[in-house]
Amino acid sequence: MKKNVLSFGTPQELEAKRIAEIRSLSYLERLERLMVLIEVSYTLKTAKVIQSKKR
C-alpha cells in the first residue's frame, strides 16, 4: 500500500498532479475509483443524522 504524502503547492500545480495521476491509471482503476465515489455518496445520502444530546 502506498504511503499518503501531503502535497503543498498552488491549486494549479495540485490539479495538474491529480490529472496526471488519473491519466496514468488504467480503465479498470478509474472505474474502481468512480464506484468508490458513488458508494460514499450514496452512503452519505442515506445515512441518518445523529442528533447530539443537548445538555
C-alpha atoms as a PDB file:
ATOM      1  CA  MET A   1       0.000   0.000   0.000  1.00  0.00           C
ATOM      2  CA  LYS A   2       1.277   3.449  -0.876  1.00  0.00           C
ATOM      3  CA  LYS A   3       2.040   5.908   1.854  1.00  0.00           C
ATOM      4  CA  ASN A   4      -0.029   9.092   1.706  1.00  0.00           C
ATOM      5  CA  VAL A   5       2.035  12.242   1.426  1.00  0.00           C
ATOM      6  CA  LEU A   6       0.683  15.743   1.868  1.00  0.00           C
ATOM      7  CA  SER A   7       1.192  17.900  -1.189  1.00  0.00           C
ATOM      8  CA  PHE A   8       1.876  21.578  -0.984  1.00  0.00           C
ATOM      9  CA  GLY A   9       1.672  23.894  -3.934  1.00  0.00           C
ATOM     10  CA  THR A  10      -0.577  26.189  -5.839  1.00  0.00           C
ATOM     11  CA  PRO A  11      -4.040  24.922  -6.785  1.00  0.00           C
ATOM     12  CA  GLN A  12      -2.955  24.773 -10.430  1.00  0.00           C
ATOM     13  CA  GLU A  13       0.022  22.547  -9.570  1.00  0.00           C
ATOM     14  CA  LEU A  14      -2.100  20.235  -7.425  1.00  0.00           C
ATOM     15  CA  GLU A  15      -4.750  19.961 -10.137  1.00  0.00           C
ATOM     16  CA  ALA A  16      -2.082  19.145 -12.731  1.00  0.00           C
ATOM     17  CA  LYS A  17      -0.713  16.388 -10.450  1.00  0.00           C
ATOM     18  CA  ARG A  18      -4.201  14.907  -9.991  1.00  0.00           C
ATOM     19  CA  ILE A  19      -4.873  14.963 -13.723  1.00  0.00           C
ATOM     20  CA  ALA A  20      -1.524  13.303 -14.449  1.00  0.00           C
ATOM     21  CA  GLU A  21      -2.222  10.652 -11.808  1.00  0.00           C
ATOM     22  CA  ILE A  22      -5.667   9.878 -13.221  1.00  0.00           C
ATOM     23  CA  ARG A  23      -4.322   9.680 -16.785  1.00  0.00           C
ATOM     24  CA  SER A  24      -1.726   7.162 -15.640  1.00  0.00           C
ATOM     25  CA  LEU A  25      -4.420   4.837 -14.273  1.00  0.00           C
ATOM     26  CA  SER A  26      -5.878   2.009 -16.290  1.00  0.00           C
ATOM     27  CA  TYR A  27      -9.529   1.982 -17.297  1.00  0.00           C
ATOM     28  CA  LEU A  28     -10.321  -0.550 -14.557  1.00  0.00           C
ATOM     29  CA  GLU A  29      -8.629   1.547 -11.870  1.00  0.00           C
ATOM     30  CA  ARG A  30     -10.566   4.631 -12.991  1.00  0.00           C
ATOM     31  CA  LEU A  31     -13.791   2.647 -12.838  1.00  0.00           C
ATOM     32  CA  GLU A  32     -12.969   1.383  -9.340  1.00  0.00           C
ATOM     33  CA  ARG A  33     -12.382   4.955  -8.135  1.00  0.00           C
ATOM     34  CA  LEU A  34     -15.683   6.054  -9.644  1.00  0.00           C
ATOM     35  CA  MET A  35     -17.527   3.200  -7.925  1.00  0.00           C
ATOM     36  CA  VAL A  36     -15.977   4.157  -4.567  1.00  0.00           C
ATOM     37  CA  LEU A  37     -17.122   7.754  -5.028  1.00  0.00           C
ATOM     38  CA  ILE A  38     -20.646   6.595  -5.906  1.00  0.00           C
ATOM     39  CA  GLU A  39     -20.730   4.287  -2.885  1.00  0.00           C
ATOM     40  CA  VAL A  40     -19.580   7.020  -0.492  1.00  0.00           C
ATOM     41  CA  SER A  41     -22.055   9.483  -1.984  1.00  0.00           C
ATOM     42  CA  TYR A  42     -24.925   7.018  -1.600  1.00  0.00           C
ATOM     43  CA  THR A  43     -23.901   6.195   1.980  1.00  0.00           C
ATOM     44  CA  LEU A  44     -23.826   9.876   2.929  1.00  0.00           C
ATOM     45  CA  LYS A  45     -27.160  10.472   1.248  1.00  0.00           C
ATOM     46  CA  THR A  46     -28.931   7.619   3.035  1.00  0.00           C
ATOM     47  CA  ALA A  47     -27.253   7.947   6.432  1.00  0.00           C
ATOM     48  CA  LYS A  48     -29.409   9.007   9.322  1.00  0.00           C
ATOM     49  CA  VAL A  49     -28.419  12.233  11.006  1.00  0.00           C
ATOM     50  CA  ILE A  50     -27.232  11.682  14.549  1.00  0.00           C
ATOM     51  CA  GLN A  51     -28.507  14.417  16.767  1.00  0.00           C
ATOM     52  CA  SER A  52     -26.304  15.388  19.666  1.00  0.00           C
ATOM     53  CA  LYS A  53     -27.930  15.483  23.058  1.00  0.00           C
ATOM     54  CA  LYS A  54     -28.469  18.967  24.402  1.00  0.00           C
ATOM     55  CA  ARG A  55     -27.323  19.348  27.978  1.00  0.00           C
END
